[in-house]
C-alpha atoms as a PDB file:
ATOM      1  CA  MET A   1       0.000   0.000   0.000  1.00  0.00           C
ATOM      2  CA  LYS A   2       2.801   2.393   0.936  1.00  0.00           C
ATOM      3  CA  THR A   3       4.553   1.568  -2.307  1.00  0.00           C
ATOM      4  CA  PHE A   4       1.409   2.374  -4.274  1.00  0.00           C
ATOM      5  CA  LEU A   5       0.992   5.767  -2.501  1.00  0.00           C
ATOM      6  CA  THR A   6       4.639   6.572  -3.119  1.00  0.00           C
ATOM      7  CA  LEU A   7       4.242   5.906  -6.845  1.00  0.00           C
ATOM      8  CA  ILE A   8       1.176   8.159  -6.990  1.00  0.00           C
ATOM      9  CA  ILE A   9       3.037  11.008  -5.225  1.00  0.00           C
ATOM     10  CA  LEU A  10       6.028  10.668  -7.562  1.00  0.00           C
ATOM     11  CA  ALA A  11       3.714  10.696 -10.575  1.00  0.00           C
ATOM     12  CA  LEU A  12       2.040  13.887  -9.349  1.00  0.00           C
ATOM     13  CA  ILE A  13       5.413  15.571  -8.768  1.00  0.00           C
ATOM     14  CA  GLY A  14       6.609  14.537 -12.219  1.00  0.00           C
ATOM     15  CA  THR A  15       3.448  15.808 -13.889  1.00  0.00           C
ATOM     16  CA  THR A  16       3.720  19.163 -12.104  1.00  0.00           C
ATOM     17  CA  ALA A  17       7.392  19.549 -13.015  1.00  0.00           C
ATOM     18  CA  TRP A  18       6.694  18.677 -16.639  1.00  0.00           C
ATOM     19  CA  TYR A  19       3.915  21.276 -16.782  1.00  0.00           C
ATOM     20  CA  PHE A  20       6.130  24.108 -15.526  1.00  0.00           C
ATOM     21  CA  LEU A  21       9.002  23.102 -17.809  1.00  0.00           C
ATOM     22  CA  THR A  22       6.793  23.135 -20.892  1.00  0.00           C
ATOM     23  CA  GLN A  23       5.367  26.507 -19.878  1.00  0.00           C
ATOM     24  CA  ASN A  24       8.861  27.939 -19.586  1.00  0.00           C
ATOM     25  CA  LYS A  25       9.870  26.533 -22.973  1.00  0.00           C
ATOM     26  CA  THR A  26       6.749  27.966 -24.546  1.00  0.00           C
ATOM     27  CA  THR A  27       7.583  31.353 -23.116  1.00  0.00           C
ATOM     28  CA  GLN A  28      11.115  31.179 -24.482  1.00  0.00           C
ATOM     29  CA  ILE A  29      10.121  30.512 -28.091  1.00  0.00           C
ATOM     30  CA  VAL A  30       7.633  33.359 -28.390  1.00  0.00           C
ATOM     31  CA  THR A  31       8.921  35.805 -31.041  1.00  0.00           C
ATOM     32  CA  VAL A  32       7.802  39.134 -32.409  1.00  0.00           C
ATOM     33  CA  ASN A  33       7.371  39.354 -36.160  1.00  0.00           C
ATOM     34  CA  THR A  34       8.733  42.501 -37.793  1.00  0.00           C
ATOM     35  CA  LYS A  35       8.863  43.742 -41.335  1.00  0.00           C
ATOM     36  CA  SER A  36      11.685  45.440 -43.200  1.00  0.00           C
ATOM     37  CA  THR A  37       9.480  48.514 -43.497  1.00  0.00           C
ATOM     38  CA  ASP A  38       9.283  48.692 -39.701  1.00  0.00           C
ATOM     39  CA  THR A  39      13.068  48.777 -39.530  1.00  0.00           C
ATOM     40  CA  LEU A  40      13.178  51.516 -42.158  1.00  0.00           C
ATOM     41  CA  LEU A  41      10.737  53.628 -40.180  1.00  0.00           C
ATOM     42  CA  VAL A  42      12.822  53.172 -37.029  1.00  0.00           C
ATOM     43  CA  VAL A  43      15.919  54.300 -38.913  1.00  0.00           C
ATOM     44  CA  LYS A  44      14.129  57.325 -40.324  1.00  0.00           C
ATOM     45  CA  ASP A  45      12.671  58.237 -36.931  1.00  0.00           C
ATOM     46  CA  SER A  46      16.085  57.987 -35.293  1.00  0.00           C
ATOM     47  CA  ILE A  47      17.489  60.378 -37.895  1.00  0.00           C
ATOM     48  CA  ILE A  48      14.641  62.850 -37.556  1.00  0.00           C
ATOM     49  CA  ASN A  49      14.916  62.914 -33.766  1.00  0.00           C
ATOM     50  CA  ALA A  50      18.717  63.198 -33.717  1.00  0.00           C
ATOM     51  CA  ASN A  51      20.617  66.370 -32.944  1.00  0.00           C
ATOM     52  CA  SER A  52      21.753  68.559 -35.833  1.00  0.00           C
ATOM     53  CA  PHE A  53      25.447  68.514 -36.731  1.00  0.00           C
ATOM     54  CA  ASP A  54      27.280  71.704 -37.663  1.00  0.00           C
ATOM     55  CA  THR A  55      28.382  70.652 -41.152  1.00  0.00           C
ATOM     56  CA  ILE A  56      27.470  71.072 -44.816  1.00  0.00           C
ATOM     57  CA  PRO A  57      26.109  68.680 -47.450  1.00  0.00           C
ATOM     58  CA  PHE A  58      28.618  67.322 -49.945  1.00  0.00           C
ATOM     59  CA  GLY A  59      28.419  64.579 -52.555  1.00  0.00           C
ATOM     60  CA  PHE A  60      25.301  62.535 -53.301  1.00  0.00           C
ATOM     61  CA  TYR A  61      22.009  62.267 -51.372  1.00  0.00           C
ATOM     62  CA  GLN A  62      19.143  60.066 -52.529  1.00  0.00           C
ATOM     63  CA  GLY A  63      15.687  59.036 -51.365  1.00  0.00           C
ATOM     64  CA  MET A  64      12.321  57.699 -52.540  1.00  0.00           C
ATOM     65  CA  LEU A  65       9.543  60.237 -52.027  1.00  0.00           C
ATOM     66  CA  PRO A  66       5.748  59.763 -52.195  1.00  0.00           C
ATOM     67  CA  CYS A  67       3.979  60.135 -55.551  1.00  0.00           C
ATOM     68  CA  ASN A  68       0.245  60.422 -56.274  1.00  0.00           C
ATOM     69  CA  ASN A  69       0.299  58.848 -59.738  1.00  0.00           C
ATOM     70  CA  CYS A  70       3.464  56.705 -59.768  1.00  0.00           C
ATOM     71  CA  GLU A  71       5.306  54.153 -57.645  1.00  0.00           C
ATOM     72  CA  GLY A  72       7.528  56.806 -56.098  1.00  0.00           C
ATOM     73  CA  ILE A  73       9.802  59.720 -56.956  1.00  0.00           C
ATOM     74  CA  GLN A  74      13.492  58.921 -56.709  1.00  0.00           C
ATOM     75  CA  ARG A  75      15.256  62.186 -55.956  1.00  0.00           C
ATOM     76  CA  THR A  76      19.049  62.383 -56.202  1.00  0.00           C
ATOM     77  CA  ILE A  77      21.029  65.524 -55.401  1.00  0.00           C
ATOM     78  CA  MET A  78      24.746  66.047 -55.890  1.00  0.00           C
ATOM     79  CA  PHE A  79      26.255  68.920 -53.898  1.00  0.00           C
ATOM     80  CA  SER A  80      29.536  70.617 -54.761  1.00  0.00           C
ATOM     81  CA  GLU A  81      31.109  73.627 -53.065  1.00  0.00           C
ATOM     82  CA  ASP A  82      28.414  76.137 -54.054  1.00  0.00           C
ATOM     83  CA  ASP A  83      26.311  74.341 -56.650  1.00  0.00           C
ATOM     84  CA  PHE A  84      23.923  71.409 -56.844  1.00  0.00           C
ATOM     85  CA  ILE A  85      22.505  69.125 -59.527  1.00  0.00           C
ATOM     86  CA  MET A  86      19.200  67.345 -58.869  1.00  0.00           C
ATOM     87  CA  GLU A  87      17.582  64.484 -60.766  1.00  0.00           C
ATOM     88  CA  GLU A  88      14.011  63.304 -60.148  1.00  0.00           C
ATOM     89  CA  LEU A  89      12.760  60.057 -61.668  1.00  0.00           C
ATOM     90  CA  ASN A  90       9.124  58.905 -61.509  1.00  0.00           C
ATOM     91  CA  TRP A  91       9.202  55.139 -60.972  1.00  0.00           C
ATOM     92  CA  GLY A  92       6.731  53.109 -63.003  1.00  0.00           C
ATOM     93  CA  LYS A  93       6.242  55.820 -65.640  1.00  0.00           C
ATOM     94  CA  GLY A  94       8.999  54.981 -68.105  1.00  0.00           C
ATOM     95  CA  THR A  95       9.908  58.660 -68.447  1.00  0.00           C
ATOM     96  CA  SER A  96      13.328  60.300 -68.364  1.00  0.00           C
ATOM     97  CA  ALA A  97      14.654  61.887 -65.207  1.00  0.00           C
ATOM     98  CA  ARG A  98      13.989  65.593 -64.700  1.00  0.00           C
ATOM     99  CA  LYS A  99      17.190  67.540 -64.124  1.00  0.00           C
ATOM    100  CA  THR A 100      17.621  70.790 -62.212  1.00  0.00           C
ATOM    101  CA  GLN A 101      20.812  72.745 -61.601  1.00  0.00           C
ATOM    102  CA  GLY A 102      21.411  75.724 -59.351  1.00  0.00           C
ATOM    103  CA  THR A 103      23.149  77.054 -56.266  1.00  0.00           C
ATOM    104  CA  TRP A 104      22.703  76.392 -52.554  1.00  0.00           C
ATOM    105  CA  SER A 105      23.248  78.473 -49.432  1.00  0.00           C
ATOM    106  CA  ASN A 106      23.049  78.082 -45.666  1.00  0.00           C
ATOM    107  CA  GLU A 107      20.348  80.264 -44.125  1.00  0.00           C
ATOM    108  CA  LYS A 108      19.591  80.007 -40.406  1.00  0.00           C
ATOM    109  CA  GLY A 109      20.459  76.313 -40.220  1.00  0.00           C
ATOM    110  CA  LEU A 110      18.573  75.387 -43.395  1.00  0.00           C
ATOM    111  CA  PHE A 111      20.158  74.572 -46.738  1.00  0.00           C
ATOM    112  CA  VAL A 112      18.328  76.517 -49.432  1.00  0.00           C
ATOM    113  CA  LEU A 113      18.423  75.361 -53.071  1.00  0.00           C
ATOM    114  CA  SER A 114      17.826  78.062 -55.689  1.00  0.00           C
ATOM    115  CA  GLN A 115      17.674  78.299 -59.467  1.00  0.00           C
ATOM    116  CA  LYS A 116      18.110  81.693 -61.155  1.00  0.00           C
ATOM    117  CA  GLY A 117      17.352  83.450 -57.881  1.00  0.00           C
ATOM    118  CA  LYS A 118      14.154  81.478 -57.183  1.00  0.00           C
ATOM    119  CA  ILE A 119      14.030  79.179 -54.143  1.00  0.00           C
ATOM    120  CA  ILE A 120      13.264  75.588 -55.147  1.00  0.00           C
ATOM    121  CA  SER A 121      13.456  73.767 -51.835  1.00  0.00           C
ATOM    122  CA  LYS A 122      14.813  73.830 -48.306  1.00  0.00           C
ATOM    123  CA  TYR A 123      16.495  71.043 -46.335  1.00  0.00           C
ATOM    124  CA  LYS A 124      17.619  70.376 -42.800  1.00  0.00           C
ATOM    125  CA  LEU A 125      20.815  68.342 -42.443  1.00  0.00           C
ATOM    126  CA  ILE A 126      20.573  65.737 -39.669  1.00  0.00           C
ATOM    127  CA  LYS A 127      23.677  63.592 -39.287  1.00  0.00           C
ATOM    128  CA  ASP A 128      24.227  62.184 -42.802  1.00  0.00           C
ATOM    129  CA  SER A 129      20.687  62.739 -44.100  1.00  0.00           C
ATOM    130  CA  LEU A 130      18.688  65.629 -45.516  1.00  0.00           C
ATOM    131  CA  ILE A 131      15.083  66.278 -44.514  1.00  0.00           C
ATOM    132  CA  ASN A 132      13.033  68.238 -47.034  1.00  0.00           C
ATOM    133  CA  THR A 133      11.165  70.982 -45.151  1.00  0.00           C
ATOM    134  CA  GLU A 134       9.882  73.051 -48.088  1.00  0.00           C
ATOM    135  CA  TYR A 135       9.388  72.349 -51.802  1.00  0.00           C
ATOM    136  CA  ASN A 136       8.263  74.791 -54.509  1.00  0.00           C
ATOM    137  CA  GLY A 137       7.025  77.240 -51.895  1.00  0.00           C
ATOM    138  CA  SER A 138       4.984  74.701 -49.907  1.00  0.00           C
ATOM    139  CA  ARG A 139       6.035  73.779 -46.384  1.00  0.00           C
ATOM    140  CA  ILE A 140       6.192  70.044 -45.640  1.00  0.00           C
ATOM    141  CA  PRO A 141       4.534  69.257 -42.260  1.00  0.00           C
ATOM    142  CA  ASP A 142       6.680  67.691 -39.543  1.00  0.00           C
ATOM    143  CA  SER A 143       4.241  64.763 -39.455  1.00  0.00           C
ATOM    144  CA  LEU A 144       5.347  63.833 -43.006  1.00  0.00           C
ATOM    145  CA  SER A 145       9.088  64.301 -42.441  1.00  0.00           C
ATOM    146  CA  ALA A 146       9.750  60.548 -42.464  1.00  0.00           C
ATOM    147  CA  GLN A 147       8.549  60.412 -46.079  1.00  0.00           C
ATOM    148  CA  PHE A 148      10.873  63.174 -47.307  1.00  0.00           C
ATOM    149  CA  VAL A 149      14.333  62.005 -46.254  1.00  0.00           C
ATOM    150  CA  LEU A 150      17.348  61.861 -48.565  1.00  0.00           C
ATOM    151  CA  PHE A 151      20.094  59.548 -47.345  1.00  0.00           C
ATOM    152  CA  LYS A 152      23.816  60.103 -47.891  1.00  0.00           C
ATOM    153  CA  LYS A 153      25.202  57.952 -50.728  1.00  0.00           C
ATOM    154  CA  ASN A 154      28.778  56.981 -51.454  1.00  0.00           C
ATOM    155  CA  THR A 155      30.495  59.038 -54.120  1.00  0.00           C
ATOM    156  CA  ALA A 156      32.774  57.053 -56.429  1.00  0.00           C
ATOM    157  CA  PRO A 157      36.239  57.447 -54.853  1.00  0.00           C
ATOM    158  CA  ARG A 158      39.317  58.614 -56.690  1.00  0.00           C
ATOM    159  CA  ASN A 159      41.254  55.370 -56.567  1.00  0.00           C
ATOM    160  CA  VAL A 160      44.957  54.747 -57.163  1.00  0.00           C
ATOM    161  CA  SER A 161      44.330  53.320 -60.635  1.00  0.00           C
ATOM    162  CA  TRP A 162      42.527  56.463 -61.797  1.00  0.00           C
ATOM    163  CA  ASN A 163      45.292  58.695 -60.445  1.00  0.00           C
ATOM    164  CA  GLN A 164      47.812  56.604 -62.360  1.00  0.00           C
ATOM    165  CA  ARG A 165      45.780  56.875 -65.562  1.00  0.00           C
ATOM    166  CA  ARG A 166      45.492  60.634 -65.178  1.00  0.00           C
ATOM    167  CA  SER A 167      49.272  60.950 -64.770  1.00  0.00           C
ATOM    168  CA  GLU A 168      49.605  59.000 -68.036  1.00  0.00           C
ATOM    169  CA  GLY A 169      47.431  61.502 -69.897  1.00  0.00           C
ATOM    170  CA  ILE A 170      44.080  59.678 -69.752  1.00  0.00           C
ATOM    171  CA  ASP A 171      41.179  62.149 -69.553  1.00  0.00           C
ATOM    172  CA  ILE A 172      38.110  59.893 -69.276  1.00  0.00           C
ATOM    173  CA  VAL A 173      37.601  56.373 -67.932  1.00  0.00           C
ATOM    174  CA  GLY A 174      34.466  54.243 -68.078  1.00  0.00           C
ATOM    175  CA  ASN A 175      33.463  50.784 -66.917  1.00  0.00           C
ATOM    176  CA  GLY A 176      30.508  48.441 -66.663  1.00  0.00           C
ATOM    177  CA  THR A 177      29.506  44.900 -65.768  1.00  0.00           C
ATOM    178  CA  GLU A 178      27.656  41.926 -67.275  1.00  0.00           C
ATOM    179  CA  PRO A 179      30.091  41.441 -68.945  1.00  0.00           C
ATOM    180  CA  PHE A 180      32.867  43.511 -67.418  1.00  0.00           C
ATOM    181  CA  TRP A 181      34.320  46.132 -69.759  1.00  0.00           C
ATOM    182  CA  SER A 182      36.379  49.297 -69.505  1.00  0.00           C
ATOM    183  CA  ILE A 183      37.345  52.286 -71.638  1.00  0.00           C
ATOM    184  CA  GLU A 184      40.151  54.827 -71.470  1.00  0.00           C
ATOM    185  CA  ILE A 185      40.067  58.004 -73.548  1.00  0.00           C
ATOM    186  CA  ASP A 186      43.027  60.271 -74.203  1.00  0.00           C
ATOM    187  CA  LYS A 187      41.335  63.163 -75.982  1.00  0.00           C
ATOM    188  CA  GLU A 188      44.540  63.978 -77.880  1.00  0.00           C
ATOM    189  CA  LYS A 189      45.642  60.458 -78.853  1.00  0.00           C
ATOM    190  CA  LEU A 190      43.454  57.370 -78.613  1.00  0.00           C
ATOM    191  CA  ILE A 191      40.519  55.334 -77.308  1.00  0.00           C
ATOM    192  CA  LEU A 192      41.195  51.989 -75.603  1.00  0.00           C
ATOM    193  CA  PHE A 193      38.263  49.575 -75.209  1.00  0.00           C
ATOM    194  CA  ARG A 194      38.779  46.385 -73.230  1.00  0.00           C
ATOM    195  CA  LEU A 195      36.408  43.415 -72.708  1.00  0.00           C
ATOM    196  CA  ALA A 196      37.019  40.882 -69.944  1.00  0.00           C
ATOM    197  CA  ASP A 197      36.718  37.891 -72.300  1.00  0.00           C
ATOM    198  CA  SER A 198      38.985  39.379 -74.975  1.00  0.00           C
ATOM    199  CA  GLU A 199      42.740  38.801 -75.014  1.00  0.00           C
ATOM    200  CA  LYS A 200      43.617  42.120 -76.655  1.00  0.00           C
ATOM    201  CA  PRO A 201      42.043  45.564 -76.202  1.00  0.00           C
ATOM    202  CA  VAL A 202      40.678  47.586 -79.109  1.00  0.00           C
ATOM    203  CA  ILE A 203      42.882  50.658 -79.641  1.00  0.00           C
ATOM    204  CA  ILE A 204      41.690  53.348 -82.068  1.00  0.00           C
ATOM    205  CA  PRO A 205      43.087  56.830 -82.820  1.00  0.00           C
ATOM    206  CA  ILE A 206      40.962  59.599 -81.334  1.00  0.00           C
ATOM    207  CA  GLU A 207      38.595  61.691 -83.447  1.00  0.00           C
ATOM    208  CA  LYS A 208      36.762  64.887 -82.604  1.00  0.00           C
ATOM    209  CA  PRO A 209      33.502  64.093 -80.773  1.00  0.00           C
ATOM    210  CA  SER A 210      30.037  65.485 -81.400  1.00  0.00           C
ATOM    211  CA  ILE A 211      28.881  67.576 -78.443  1.00  0.00           C
ATOM    212  CA  THR A 212      25.201  68.165 -77.647  1.00  0.00           C
ATOM    213  CA  LYS A 213      23.501  69.917 -74.745  1.00  0.00           C
ATOM    214  CA  ASP A 214      24.094  67.121 -72.256  1.00  0.00           C
ATOM    215  CA  SER A 215      26.184  64.457 -73.989  1.00  0.00           C
ATOM    216  CA  VAL A 216      29.334  63.697 -75.961  1.00  0.00           C
ATOM    217  CA  LEU A 217      29.429  61.138 -78.788  1.00  0.00           C
ATOM    218  CA  TYR A 218      32.560  59.517 -80.189  1.00  0.00           C
ATOM    219  CA  ALA A 219      32.140  57.608 -83.474  1.00  0.00           C
ATOM    220  CA  VAL A 220      35.309  55.865 -84.689  1.00  0.00           C
ATOM    221  CA  LYS A 221      36.279  52.770 -86.671  1.00  0.00           C
ATOM    222  CA  THR A 222      38.887  50.075 -86.180  1.00  0.00           C
ATOM    223  CA  ASP A 223      41.479  49.197 -88.821  1.00  0.00           C
ATOM    224  CA  GLY A 224      39.122  46.406 -89.887  1.00  0.00           C
ATOM    225  CA  GLY A 225      36.249  48.842 -90.426  1.00  0.00           C
ATOM    226  CA  GLU A 226      34.252  47.897 -87.295  1.00  0.00           C
ATOM    227  CA  ALA A 227      32.330  50.818 -85.811  1.00  0.00           C
ATOM    228  CA  LEU A 228      32.818  51.824 -82.179  1.00  0.00           C
ATOM    229  CA  LYS A 229      30.481  54.427 -80.696  1.00  0.00           C
ATOM    230  CA  ILE A 230      30.749  55.912 -77.217  1.00  0.00           C
ATOM    231  CA  SER A 231      28.160  58.171 -75.603  1.00  0.00           C
ATOM    232  CA  ILE A 232      28.879  60.058 -72.372  1.00  0.00           C
ATOM    233  CA  SER A 233      25.841  61.772 -70.858  1.00  0.00           C
ATOM    234  CA  SER A 234      25.487  64.007 -67.830  1.00  0.00           C
ATOM    235  CA  ARG A 235      23.195  61.636 -65.943  1.00  0.00           C
ATOM    236  CA  PHE A 236      23.788  60.128 -62.525  1.00  0.00           C
ATOM    237  CA  CYS A 237      24.897  56.510 -62.630  1.00  0.00           C
ATOM    238  CA  ASN A 238      25.237  53.491 -60.325  1.00  0.00           C
ATOM    239  CA  ASP A 239      27.975  51.046 -61.322  1.00  0.00           C
ATOM    240  CA  GLY A 240      25.889  47.989 -60.342  1.00  0.00           C
ATOM    241  CA  MET A 241      28.670  46.531 -58.196  1.00  0.00           C
ATOM    242  CA  SER A 242      28.684  48.854 -55.209  1.00  0.00           C
ATOM    243  CA  ASP A 243      26.654  51.611 -53.612  1.00  0.00           C
ATOM    244  CA  HIS A 244      28.741  54.274 -55.348  1.00  0.00           C
ATOM    245  CA  LEU A 245      27.167  56.940 -57.528  1.00  0.00           C
ATOM    246  CA  TYR A 246      28.837  58.621 -60.501  1.00  0.00           C
ATOM    247  CA  GLU A 247      28.109  61.926 -62.199  1.00  0.00           C
ATOM    248  CA  TYR A 248      28.138  60.531 -65.752  1.00  0.00           C
ATOM    249  CA  LYS A 249      26.668  57.593 -67.677  1.00  0.00           C
ATOM    250  CA  MET A 250      28.468  55.861 -70.535  1.00  0.00           C
ATOM    251  CA  SER A 251      27.119  53.656 -73.343  1.00  0.00           C
ATOM    252  CA  VAL A 252      29.274  51.771 -75.844  1.00  0.00           C
ATOM    253  CA  TRP A 253      28.152  50.187 -79.143  1.00  0.00           C
ATOM    254  CA  PHE A 254      30.481  47.574 -80.640  1.00  0.00           C
ATOM    255  CA  LYS A 255      29.884  44.556 -82.897  1.00  0.00           C
ATOM    256  CA  GLY A 256      26.113  44.730 -82.539  1.00  0.00           C
ATOM    257  CA  LYS A 257      26.139  44.888 -78.732  1.00  0.00           C
ATOM    258  CA  VAL A 258      25.455  47.705 -76.295  1.00  0.00           C
ATOM    259  CA  TYR A 259      27.482  48.052 -73.099  1.00  0.00           C
ATOM    260  CA  LYS A 260      26.179  50.353 -70.375  1.00  0.00           C
ATOM    261  CA  GLY A 261      28.103  51.709 -67.415  1.00  0.00           C
ATOM    262  CA  CYS A 262      29.479  54.808 -65.703  1.00  0.00           C
ATOM    263  CA  ALA A 263      32.163  57.347 -66.590  1.00  0.00           C
ATOM    264  CA  VAL A 264      34.610  59.502 -64.651  1.00  0.00           C
ATOM    265  CA  MET A 265      36.215  62.718 -65.875  1.00  0.00           C
ATOM    266  CA  LEU A 266      39.812  62.539 -64.640  1.00  0.00           C
ATOM    267  CA  ASN A 267      40.675  65.931 -66.089  1.00  0.00           C
ATOM    268  CA  GLU A 268      38.530  68.748 -64.704  1.00  0.00           C
ATOM    269  CA  ASN A 269      38.712  70.543 -68.070  1.00  0.00           C
ATOM    270  CA  ASN A 270      36.593  67.728 -69.512  1.00  0.00           C
ATOM    271  CA  ASN A 271      33.505  69.170 -67.841  1.00  0.00           C
ATOM    272  CA  ALA A 272      33.227  71.470 -70.851  1.00  0.00           C
ATOM    273  CA  TYR A 273      32.441  68.317 -72.861  1.00  0.00           C
ATOM    274  CA  THR A 274      29.100  67.915 -71.160  1.00  0.00           C
ATOM    275  CA  LYS A 275      27.496  71.274 -70.570  1.00  0.00           C
ATOM    276  CA  ARG A 276      24.322  70.896 -68.574  1.00  0.00           C
END
């Protein structure tokens, strides 16, 4: 009888222990589901609520802004010492980017963008991001600030290879991927076009380019009569391999194929090639 009672007591203790253990395990595996958009909002909120830094914008800033009749407006601004260039692209419309150029100034902690003396927009610089506070004369409410943030983007760095090319007299370099290709242009001597899967580069004597409002076009031929065309346009460009942005786009036509990529002006005098 005592043995039977002992077994019952042990069974009750075991059942109770098992119950509490399973409850604890259940508590431990409870998780909270989050979305990537939640993380983005947290990041934006942390930027908006941060303290202002005493600095100036420089290089590229980019963000996706709300749009009533498209998927979103991608706004990209490149700041130099006193000037700016802005591109706005309506996603889902298939239209070309709108381009605006002007000057900027610092007025009472706000960065004011102007074109021909008319104020286009105003921004507040918070850490490495710009918050649009006014656009085309309309103030943007604080409650919508999270939707009008431009984030700092990496500007294509001046690497050792480019410095070496410039010292050798190269004025323009370009490159792209899928497949990888590169171009070097010495505006007084030659054009060198190299494909990753080709043993030898194509080297052609330089010819005077055709210059339009916002692009430069080289049209040359190899010794074998094959046409090589190169277009350099003053449009912002992403190289597809990194998060770096470039000031110029480059397209190359050779042997029935089109190669698209980005270009860098190694010689500052080349900016006259592509008047905006």
